[in-house]
Every structure is written in structure tokens, then in C-alpha cells.
Amino acid sequence: MTAIDWRTKGFFNPGPPIPDEDFIAAGHGLFDGAFTYPLMIARQAALDANVATMAAFCARHGLTFAPHIKTHMSPSLVRAQLAAGAWGVTVATANQALAAHAMGATRILIANQVLDPTALRWAAAHQVMITVDSVAGAEAAGRAGPTVPVLVELGHANGRTGTRTLDELLVVAAAVHDHATLRLAGVTGYEGGLPDAGAVAAFLDRLREAAGAVAHLIDGDLIVSAGGSAWFDVVADRLPGALPDGRPVTALLRSGAYVSHDDGFYRERTPFNRLADQGVLQAALGVWAQVLSTPEPGLALIGMGKRDAPYDEGLPEPQRVRRSGGALEDAIGMRVTRMNDHHTYLSTGGMRLVPGDLVLFGISHPCTAFDKWRAIPVVDHDGRVSGVLRPHL
């Protein structure tokens, strides 16, 4: 049972623990005393719309979908993504794979090389698909026990993991194929660090070439996997479709940030900016924080810091002001200039703020937002709590 108690940041309950279900049933509003600040919220309508939009995109383009749940690590969102048609889920670590299994996911892909023997034995026992980019990685996986499904990773110069050449990939693929306890399932890559659509397309073409080069080593489905949240339109254009020899492939997309979207990094980079006729994503997250001090003209110190909101891919965006009497105003001309652990420096842009006012901030880069909270109230259109997200790890 999950419950709201003294450990639950943003919620304010000095009394006995309150089960999540009872807290939700009480129908609390954001400003009726059940919360303190800062407080991250999630908008139910935006979450629902984003899950549906991405499911429809994948169905339209012949993509199998394994969303990367590192973004949120939340059981209720995993269930929503699977219910919308996701094939399975992608994770970054063995701990996240363990959590995904506990959340009910039966198909799990770890999109990194796993070298820990304990984690590999568990992954093998549960048929978790793993990624390798070296003979050493293949040999470590081969000692895990039962047959392990494996994707071999292709990378690119100055990128993250993955073999840098097709020849290197073929050596690793052969090592996987020749090992009695490994099953080569296909190839994978990550295009998110590339600078433009042309470079992404060229890399994905190399990935399909790699799939063709290892196809003779694979019985059954041949998986070709890619896809962050910035170039999934190019993935949809280049990965699906049979190989030149007619061999069908399963094009497996792994995008994750879409589920909550944001008001910064992905707002500027989402492929739906280029695909206006195929849907839009909505920012689902926000942080309400309180004005603590207005020590000099044009400056307000906000009770929100690096422990509460992401700052690695853009600073939070002030959007609305709520006065002590409940009146709402647009945060015109305001901008965040810097953040400390527990303080945000807000240039007020000519607006007058007083201590006790609340400011709603949009966030940038959701992958470093959920991990700062262990409980996030989900609110409906009128600000009433309709659920509680419980991010893990």
C-alpha cells in the first residue's frame, strides 16, 4: 500500500498515513491546505492525450512501440502505455528492469550493456532483452544462464555507446550467435545526439544495413530498434519496411519523453512541430512554488530549487501567478535567471510580486523532473486531484 505521510514532499500530512486511494477519494484541490510548496503536478488530460497521440502515430507508421519509461518510472503510466498498445517497455538499467517487471511489464528491453552477473542472471531468467556492443559484453551475458535475447548496438563517432563501424558490429553479432546461451534478436542504435535530420537519416540507413548484414544469423523476428523523442519522424520514415532481400523487420521505437512532454527542450524539438497534421503533444508537468522574498526591485526569490525542478536542459518557465486571494494572472515578462538547491532567482519583468504569491512554472526536460519526486498529484481540468503518480528509482 502506498500512502501520504510526513515523507511525501509537496503533500502536507503531519498526522497518520493516508492511503493514496483515500487521499484521491477526498477530492482535494491544489490550494485547500492538503499541499505545501514547491509542488510538482501532472495534468491528467495532457497525459491521456499524449499517450493516445503517440500510440496513433506508431500505428499509422508501422512502428512497434517500447516506450522508454526512464522518463517517469511510474506504474500507472506504464499501465496506460501498455493499455494503449505498447509492445513492451524500454529501461536504462537493471534496477529499472526489475521495477518494470514489478509494474507488470512482460516485455522489457534494457537499452544499455549489462555487465553485472547478478542482474544478468535475473534478466536471463525473465527473458529480458539486453543490449551489447562488445565481445566482452556478449561473454558476460553468455554466463547468465538460460537463453538471453540480445540486440547488438551500432553507434556513431562522438556518440554514446555502440560499435563505431559495421565490421565491429559483425564481430560482436557473431560472438552472440555463436554462444549457446544467447539468442541474437537484431540490432539497435540511438540517434538522439546527432545534429540534424540528414545525419539521423544516414545513421538509420546504416542501422538497416547492419540488420541486413546479420539477418542470416537470426531465426524469427528481426528487430531493428532506435528512437529518442526528437527524431521519431525520421525513424518512422527510415526504419520500417522489408530489407532489400524481402526479409521483414520489426521496427521498434523507444521514445519516452513524449508522455509528459515539456515547456522547453522537447517543446522545441518534438517531431510534431514538423508533422502538424499528425497530432500535438501537451506539457503535462508544472511546479507551483511560493514567492519567499522580494528583496530588491525586479527580483523575487522563489521557494523552488534544483532539488525540485530540472535545470540541465533549460531553466523553468514562469507561466502563471496566483495571488493570495486566488486571482490568476499571466506571468508576463518574467524569467528565471538562476537556481540554487532551494531557491530560484526570478526576474519579475515589471510585474509586482509579494511574499506568499504562488507562481506556476513549466519545466524543461522531463527525464530529470520525475526523479525529484516520490509522489506527484494528478489533477483534472478544475484542479481537483484525480490520481497520484509514484515515480520509482
Protein backbone atom coordinates (compact mmCIF):
# COMPACT_ATOMS: atom_id res chain seq x y z
CA MET A 1 0.00 0.00 0.00
CA THR A 2 1.25 3.48 -0.86
CA ALA A 3 0.31 6.28 1.47
CA ILE A 4 0.76 10.01 2.04
CA ASP A 5 2.73 10.73 5.21
CA TRP A 6 5.44 13.02 6.59
CA ARG A 7 7.94 11.77 3.99
CA THR A 8 5.84 12.81 0.98
CA LYS A 9 7.29 16.03 -0.42
CA GLY A 10 4.72 18.58 -1.56
CA PHE A 11 1.89 16.91 0.33
CA PHE A 12 1.43 18.14 3.90
CA ASN A 13 0.25 15.43 6.28
CA PRO A 14 1.65 15.61 9.83
CA GLY A 15 -0.87 13.00 11.01
CA PRO A 16 -1.27 9.27 10.38
CA PRO A 17 -0.53 7.95 6.88
CA ILE A 18 -3.36 8.35 4.37
CA PRO A 19 -3.58 5.66 1.66
CA ASP A 20 -3.34 7.11 -1.83
CA GLU A 21 -6.81 5.82 -2.62
CA ASP A 22 -8.34 7.65 0.33
CA PHE A 23 -6.46 10.84 -0.48
CA ILE A 24 -7.73 10.72 -4.07
CA ALA A 25 -11.29 9.96 -2.98
CA ALA A 26 -11.28 13.07 -0.77
CA GLY A 27 -11.26 15.23 -3.92
CA HIS A 28 -8.65 17.70 -2.70
CA GLY A 29 -7.93 20.84 -4.65
CA LEU A 30 -4.42 22.17 -5.07
CA PHE A 31 -4.99 25.13 -2.78
CA ASP A 32 -7.22 23.78 0.01
CA GLY A 33 -4.47 23.04 2.51
CA ALA A 34 -3.56 19.46 1.59
CA PHE A 35 -0.33 20.59 -0.07
CA THR A 36 2.67 22.76 0.60
CA TYR A 37 5.18 24.24 -1.81
CA PRO A 38 7.04 23.62 -4.00
CA LEU A 39 4.67 21.10 -5.56
CA MET A 40 5.01 19.30 -8.87
CA ILE A 41 1.69 18.49 -10.55
CA ALA A 42 0.68 16.43 -13.57
CA ARG A 43 -2.35 17.21 -15.72
CA GLN A 44 -4.47 14.14 -16.42
CA ALA A 45 -5.88 15.40 -19.72
CA ALA A 46 -2.41 16.07 -21.13
CA LEU A 47 -1.06 12.67 -20.07
CA ASP A 48 -4.04 10.88 -21.64
CA ALA A 49 -3.79 12.88 -24.86
CA ASN A 50 -0.03 12.31 -25.21
CA VAL A 51 -0.32 8.54 -24.72
CA ALA A 52 -3.09 8.37 -27.32
CA THR A 53 -1.26 10.63 -29.80
CA MET A 54 1.92 8.54 -29.75
CA ALA A 55 0.04 5.25 -29.96
CA ALA A 56 -1.78 6.52 -33.04
CA PHE A 57 1.49 7.73 -34.60
CA CYS A 58 3.12 4.32 -34.18
CA ALA A 59 0.09 2.50 -35.59
CA ARG A 60 -0.02 4.87 -38.55
CA HIS A 61 3.64 4.33 -39.42
CA GLY A 62 4.00 0.61 -38.80
CA LEU A 63 6.18 1.02 -35.70
CA THR A 64 6.25 -1.38 -32.79
CA PHE A 65 6.50 0.68 -29.61
CA ALA A 66 8.51 0.05 -26.44
CA PRO A 67 8.44 3.47 -24.71
CA HIS A 68 11.46 4.34 -22.62
CA ILE A 69 9.96 4.55 -19.13
CA LYS A 70 13.11 6.00 -17.52
CA THR A 71 11.34 9.34 -18.04
CA HIS A 72 8.69 8.66 -15.42
CA MET A 73 9.16 5.21 -13.82
CA SER A 74 5.54 5.35 -12.71
CA PRO A 75 3.31 2.23 -12.53
CA SER A 76 0.12 3.99 -13.55
CA LEU A 77 1.77 5.50 -16.64
CA VAL A 78 3.30 2.15 -17.58
CA ARG A 79 -0.16 0.60 -17.40
CA ALA A 80 -1.58 3.40 -19.55
CA GLN A 81 1.13 2.98 -22.19
CA LEU A 82 0.68 -0.79 -22.34
CA ALA A 83 -3.11 -0.44 -22.49
CA ALA A 84 -2.70 1.92 -25.46
CA GLY A 85 -0.91 -0.81 -27.39
CA ALA A 86 2.78 -0.64 -26.46
CA TRP A 87 4.60 -3.91 -27.25
CA GLY A 88 6.64 -3.59 -24.07
CA VAL A 89 8.86 -1.07 -22.32
CA THR A 90 12.45 0.13 -22.53
CA VAL A 91 14.61 0.88 -19.50
CA ALA A 92 18.15 2.10 -18.92
CA THR A 93 19.33 -0.04 -16.01
CA ALA A 94 18.86 -3.42 -14.41
CA ASN A 95 17.17 -1.79 -11.42
CA GLN A 96 14.68 -0.14 -13.76
CA ALA A 97 14.08 -3.52 -15.43
CA LEU A 98 13.32 -5.04 -12.02
CA ALA A 99 10.88 -2.21 -11.33
CA ALA A 100 9.25 -2.55 -14.77
CA HIS A 101 8.70 -6.26 -14.13
CA ALA A 102 7.08 -5.44 -10.78
CA MET A 103 4.85 -2.90 -12.59
CA GLY A 104 3.50 -5.67 -14.82
CA ALA A 105 5.56 -5.28 -17.99
CA THR A 106 6.18 -8.67 -19.58
CA ARG A 107 8.42 -7.46 -22.44
CA ILE A 108 11.38 -5.41 -21.27
CA LEU A 109 14.37 -4.08 -23.21
CA ILE A 110 17.43 -2.76 -21.39
CA ALA A 111 18.91 -0.23 -23.80
CA ASN A 112 22.39 -0.42 -22.30
CA GLN A 113 25.02 -3.09 -21.92
CA VAL A 114 24.58 -5.07 -18.68
CA LEU A 115 27.74 -6.49 -17.12
CA ASP A 116 26.72 -7.26 -13.54
CA PRO A 117 26.41 -11.07 -13.11
CA THR A 118 23.60 -10.87 -10.56
CA ALA A 119 21.49 -8.60 -12.76
CA LEU A 120 22.25 -10.69 -15.85
CA ARG A 121 21.09 -13.90 -14.17
CA TRP A 122 17.80 -12.24 -13.25
CA ALA A 123 17.40 -10.79 -16.75
CA ALA A 124 18.04 -14.19 -18.30
CA ALA A 125 15.53 -15.90 -16.02
CA HIS A 126 12.86 -13.36 -17.02
CA GLN A 127 13.75 -13.18 -20.72
CA VAL A 128 14.61 -9.50 -20.54
CA MET A 129 16.14 -8.35 -23.82
CA ILE A 130 19.57 -6.80 -23.40
CA THR A 131 21.95 -4.72 -25.49
CA VAL A 132 25.62 -5.44 -26.17
CA ASP A 133 28.27 -3.52 -28.08
CA SER A 134 31.34 -5.63 -27.37
CA VAL A 135 32.55 -9.20 -27.29
CA ALA A 136 33.17 -8.71 -23.57
CA GLY A 137 29.51 -7.77 -23.13
CA ALA A 138 28.41 -10.83 -25.07
CA GLU A 139 30.64 -13.10 -22.99
CA ALA A 140 29.29 -11.61 -19.74
CA ALA A 141 25.71 -12.15 -20.91
CA GLY A 142 26.53 -15.67 -22.04
CA ARG A 143 27.41 -16.67 -18.50
CA ALA A 144 23.95 -15.66 -17.21
CA GLY A 145 22.17 -18.97 -17.69
CA PRO A 146 19.05 -19.51 -19.82
CA THR A 147 18.90 -18.17 -23.34
CA VAL A 148 19.11 -14.36 -23.35
CA PRO A 149 17.66 -12.31 -26.27
CA VAL A 150 20.26 -9.78 -27.43
CA LEU A 151 20.35 -6.70 -29.63
CA VAL A 152 23.75 -5.60 -30.92
CA GLU A 153 24.23 -1.85 -30.83
CA LEU A 154 25.56 0.36 -33.59
CA GLY A 155 26.86 3.77 -32.55
CA HIS A 156 28.42 6.74 -34.28
CA ALA A 157 31.51 8.90 -33.85
CA ASN A 158 31.44 11.07 -30.73
CA GLY A 159 28.18 9.43 -29.70
CA ARG A 160 27.30 7.29 -26.75
CA THR A 161 27.61 3.51 -26.69
CA GLY A 162 27.58 1.22 -29.73
CA THR A 163 30.17 -0.15 -32.12
CA ARG A 164 31.60 2.55 -34.30
CA THR A 165 31.80 0.50 -37.50
CA LEU A 166 29.75 -2.14 -39.22
CA ASP A 167 32.73 -4.52 -39.18
CA GLU A 168 32.95 -4.20 -35.40
CA LEU A 169 29.22 -4.86 -35.11
CA LEU A 170 29.54 -8.01 -37.20
CA VAL A 171 32.24 -9.34 -34.86
CA VAL A 172 30.01 -8.78 -31.84
CA ALA A 173 26.97 -10.25 -33.61
CA ALA A 174 28.96 -13.40 -34.46
CA ALA A 175 30.06 -13.71 -30.83
CA VAL A 176 26.42 -13.51 -29.73
CA HIS A 177 25.27 -16.00 -32.34
CA ASP A 178 28.00 -18.50 -31.51
CA HIS A 179 27.25 -18.51 -27.80
CA ALA A 180 24.95 -21.34 -26.77
CA THR A 181 23.02 -19.31 -24.19
CA LEU A 182 22.47 -16.17 -26.28
CA ARG A 183 19.88 -15.51 -28.98
CA LEU A 184 20.62 -12.76 -31.47
CA ALA A 185 17.38 -10.80 -31.94
CA GLY A 186 18.51 -7.84 -34.04
CA VAL A 187 20.29 -4.51 -33.98
CA THR A 188 19.76 -1.25 -32.18
CA GLY A 189 21.07 2.31 -32.11
CA TYR A 190 20.44 5.76 -30.68
CA GLU A 191 20.22 8.76 -32.97
CA GLY A 192 19.37 11.45 -30.43
CA GLY A 193 22.84 13.01 -30.28
CA LEU A 194 23.09 13.68 -33.99
CA PRO A 195 22.84 17.30 -35.19
CA ASP A 196 20.18 17.24 -37.91
CA ALA A 197 17.69 15.19 -39.88
CA GLY A 198 20.21 14.35 -42.60
CA ALA A 199 22.68 12.90 -40.14
CA VAL A 200 19.90 10.96 -38.42
CA ALA A 201 18.67 9.53 -41.72
CA ALA A 202 22.18 8.46 -42.70
CA PHE A 203 22.69 6.75 -39.36
CA LEU A 204 19.35 4.92 -39.57
CA ASP A 205 20.26 3.74 -43.08
CA ARG A 206 23.49 2.31 -41.63
CA LEU A 207 21.41 0.61 -38.94
CA ARG A 208 19.21 -1.06 -41.56
CA GLU A 209 22.37 -2.07 -43.44
CA ALA A 210 23.58 -3.66 -40.21
CA ALA A 211 20.28 -5.51 -39.90
CA GLY A 212 20.72 -6.90 -43.38
CA ALA A 213 24.28 -7.98 -42.59
CA VAL A 214 23.22 -10.03 -39.54
CA ALA A 215 19.86 -11.27 -40.85
CA HIS A 216 21.24 -14.71 -41.75
CA LEU A 217 22.16 -15.24 -38.08
CA ILE A 218 18.61 -14.62 -36.81
CA ASP A 219 15.72 -17.04 -36.70
CA GLY A 220 12.30 -15.49 -36.27
CA ASP A 221 11.61 -11.78 -35.89
CA LEU A 222 14.43 -9.44 -36.87
CA ILE A 223 14.27 -6.35 -34.65
CA VAL A 224 15.71 -3.01 -35.70
CA SER A 225 15.37 -0.52 -32.86
CA ALA A 226 16.00 3.22 -32.46
CA GLY A 227 14.26 6.35 -31.37
CA GLY A 228 14.59 9.07 -28.80
CA SER A 229 11.99 11.82 -28.59
CA ALA A 230 13.46 14.34 -31.03
CA TRP A 231 13.68 12.41 -34.32
CA PHE A 232 10.99 9.73 -34.27
CA ASP A 233 9.58 11.14 -37.52
CA VAL A 234 12.84 10.26 -39.27
CA VAL A 235 12.79 6.84 -37.58
CA ALA A 236 9.28 6.31 -38.94
CA ASP A 237 10.50 7.26 -42.40
CA ARG A 238 13.66 5.11 -42.49
CA LEU A 239 13.29 2.02 -40.28
CA PRO A 240 10.02 0.23 -41.21
CA GLY A 241 9.73 -1.92 -44.31
CA ALA A 242 11.29 -5.12 -45.54
CA LEU A 243 15.01 -5.37 -46.24
CA PRO A 244 16.13 -5.39 -49.90
CA ASP A 245 16.01 -9.20 -49.94
CA GLY A 246 12.42 -9.15 -48.77
CA ARG A 247 13.16 -10.09 -45.15
CA PRO A 248 10.60 -8.38 -42.90
CA VAL A 249 11.78 -6.38 -39.91
CA THR A 250 10.17 -5.28 -36.68
CA ALA A 251 10.90 -1.55 -36.37
CA LEU A 252 10.94 -0.95 -32.61
CA LEU A 253 10.64 2.67 -31.44
CA ARG A 254 11.79 3.62 -27.92
CA SER A 255 10.73 7.27 -27.41
CA GLY A 256 9.89 8.16 -23.81
CA ALA A 257 9.72 11.88 -23.06
CA TYR A 258 6.52 12.29 -25.08
CA VAL A 259 4.31 11.01 -22.25
CA SER A 260 4.64 14.22 -20.26
CA HIS A 261 6.31 16.42 -22.90
CA ASP A 262 7.59 19.76 -21.52
CA ASP A 263 7.70 23.54 -21.81
CA GLY A 264 11.26 23.76 -23.09
CA PHE A 265 13.66 21.25 -24.61
CA TYR A 266 11.10 18.94 -26.22
CA ARG A 267 8.59 21.68 -26.98
CA GLU A 268 11.23 23.00 -29.38
CA ARG A 269 12.37 19.60 -30.70
CA THR A 270 9.30 17.39 -30.93
CA PRO A 271 8.79 15.97 -34.42
CA PHE A 272 5.16 17.03 -34.22
CA ASN A 273 6.41 20.55 -34.93
CA ARG A 274 7.21 19.13 -38.38
CA LEU A 275 4.13 16.89 -38.51
CA ALA A 276 1.38 19.32 -37.64
CA ASP A 277 -1.27 17.17 -39.27
CA GLN A 278 -0.43 14.12 -37.15
CA GLY A 279 -1.07 15.44 -33.68
CA VAL A 280 0.35 17.61 -30.93
CA LEU A 281 1.87 16.89 -27.55
CA GLN A 282 0.89 18.81 -24.44
CA ALA A 283 3.05 19.77 -21.48
CA ALA A 284 1.69 17.73 -18.57
CA LEU A 285 4.01 18.83 -15.75
CA GLY A 286 4.26 22.03 -13.77
CA VAL A 287 5.63 23.20 -10.43
CA TRP A 288 3.76 25.56 -8.15
CA ALA A 289 6.19 27.47 -5.92
CA GLN A 290 5.87 30.34 -3.48
CA VAL A 291 7.40 33.79 -3.50
CA LEU A 292 9.58 33.85 -0.38
CA SER A 293 11.18 37.28 -0.65
CA THR A 294 11.26 40.38 -2.82
CA PRO A 295 14.48 41.95 -1.52
CA GLU A 296 15.06 44.44 -4.34
CA PRO A 297 13.13 45.88 -7.29
CA GLY A 298 12.70 43.41 -10.15
CA LEU A 299 13.84 40.36 -8.16
CA ALA A 300 11.82 37.69 -6.39
CA LEU A 301 13.27 34.69 -4.59
CA ILE A 302 11.12 31.61 -5.13
CA GLY A 303 10.98 28.57 -2.86
CA MET A 304 11.94 26.11 -5.59
CA GLY A 305 15.40 24.85 -6.45
CA LYS A 306 17.49 22.22 -8.17
CA ARG A 307 16.06 19.59 -5.84
CA ASP A 308 12.58 20.30 -7.19
CA ALA A 309 12.77 21.14 -10.90
CA PRO A 310 15.10 20.21 -13.79
CA TYR A 311 17.72 22.71 -14.88
CA ASP A 312 20.08 20.69 -17.12
CA GLU A 313 18.33 21.41 -20.44
CA GLY A 314 16.81 24.81 -19.78
CA LEU A 315 15.55 26.63 -16.70
CA PRO A 316 11.91 26.55 -15.58
CA GLU A 317 9.49 28.87 -17.35
CA PRO A 318 7.20 31.15 -15.25
CA GLN A 319 3.67 30.91 -16.62
CA ARG A 320 1.02 32.00 -14.12
CA VAL A 321 0.80 33.90 -10.85
CA ARG A 322 -1.79 33.10 -8.18
CA ARG A 323 -2.42 35.88 -5.72
CA SER A 324 -3.27 35.23 -2.07
CA GLY A 325 -6.94 35.80 -2.80
CA GLY A 326 -6.96 33.23 -5.59
CA ALA A 327 -6.83 35.57 -8.61
CA LEU A 328 -4.76 34.24 -11.53
CA GLU A 329 -2.59 36.36 -13.83
CA ASP A 330 -0.24 35.56 -16.70
CA ALA A 331 3.44 35.79 -15.73
CA ILE A 332 4.23 38.43 -18.34
CA GLY A 333 7.88 39.31 -18.84
CA MET A 334 9.18 37.08 -16.06
CA ARG A 335 12.17 34.77 -16.42
CA VAL A 336 14.32 32.57 -14.24
CA THR A 337 17.95 33.68 -14.17
CA ARG A 338 19.50 31.03 -11.93
CA MET A 339 18.77 28.36 -9.33
CA ASN A 340 20.27 27.14 -6.06
CA ASP A 341 19.41 23.99 -4.14
CA HIS A 342 16.23 25.52 -2.68
CA HIS A 343 15.92 28.93 -4.33
CA THR A 344 15.09 30.26 -7.76
CA TYR A 345 16.03 33.79 -8.82
CA LEU A 346 13.11 35.25 -10.74
CA SER A 347 13.37 38.47 -12.74
CA THR A 348 9.86 39.87 -12.38
CA GLY A 349 9.84 41.85 -15.63
CA GLY A 350 7.92 44.74 -14.18
CA MET A 351 5.20 42.67 -12.50
CA ARG A 352 4.75 43.23 -8.81
CA LEU A 353 5.06 40.12 -6.67
CA VAL A 354 4.68 39.91 -2.91
CA PRO A 355 5.73 37.18 -0.48
CA GLY A 356 3.07 34.48 -0.42
CA ASP A 357 2.14 34.74 -4.09
CA LEU A 358 2.36 31.46 -5.97
CA VAL A 359 3.99 31.06 -9.38
CA LEU A 360 3.37 28.16 -11.75
CA PHE A 361 6.47 27.09 -13.66
CA GLY A 362 6.65 24.95 -16.77
CA ILE A 363 9.64 22.63 -16.83
CA SER A 364 12.16 21.60 -19.44
CA HIS A 365 13.46 18.03 -19.86
CA PRO A 366 11.02 15.70 -18.07
CA CYS A 367 13.61 12.92 -17.72
CA THR A 368 15.19 14.90 -14.88
CA ALA A 369 11.88 16.05 -13.39
CA PHE A 370 10.12 12.88 -12.24
CA ASP A 371 13.18 11.63 -10.38
CA LYS A 372 12.97 14.56 -7.94
CA TRP A 373 9.55 13.49 -6.62
CA ARG A 374 8.20 10.33 -4.99
CA ALA A 375 4.58 11.39 -5.32
CA ILE A 376 3.02 13.75 -7.86
CA PRO A 377 -0.66 14.70 -7.68
CA VAL A 378 -2.53 14.26 -10.93
CA VAL A 379 -5.17 16.93 -11.40
CA ASP A 380 -8.21 17.21 -13.62
CA HIS A 381 -9.33 20.28 -15.56
CA ASP A 382 -10.57 22.13 -12.45
CA GLY A 383 -7.52 21.41 -10.31
CA ARG A 384 -9.01 18.54 -8.32
CA VAL A 385 -6.78 15.57 -7.53
CA SER A 386 -7.71 12.55 -9.64
CA GLY A 387 -4.64 10.40 -9.05
CA VAL A 388 -1.15 10.17 -7.61
CA LEU A 389 1.88 9.27 -9.72
CA ARG A 390 4.50 7.26 -7.87
CA PRO A 391 7.86 7.51 -9.70
CA HIS A 392 10.41 4.86 -8.73
CA LEU A 393 14.22 4.92 -8.90
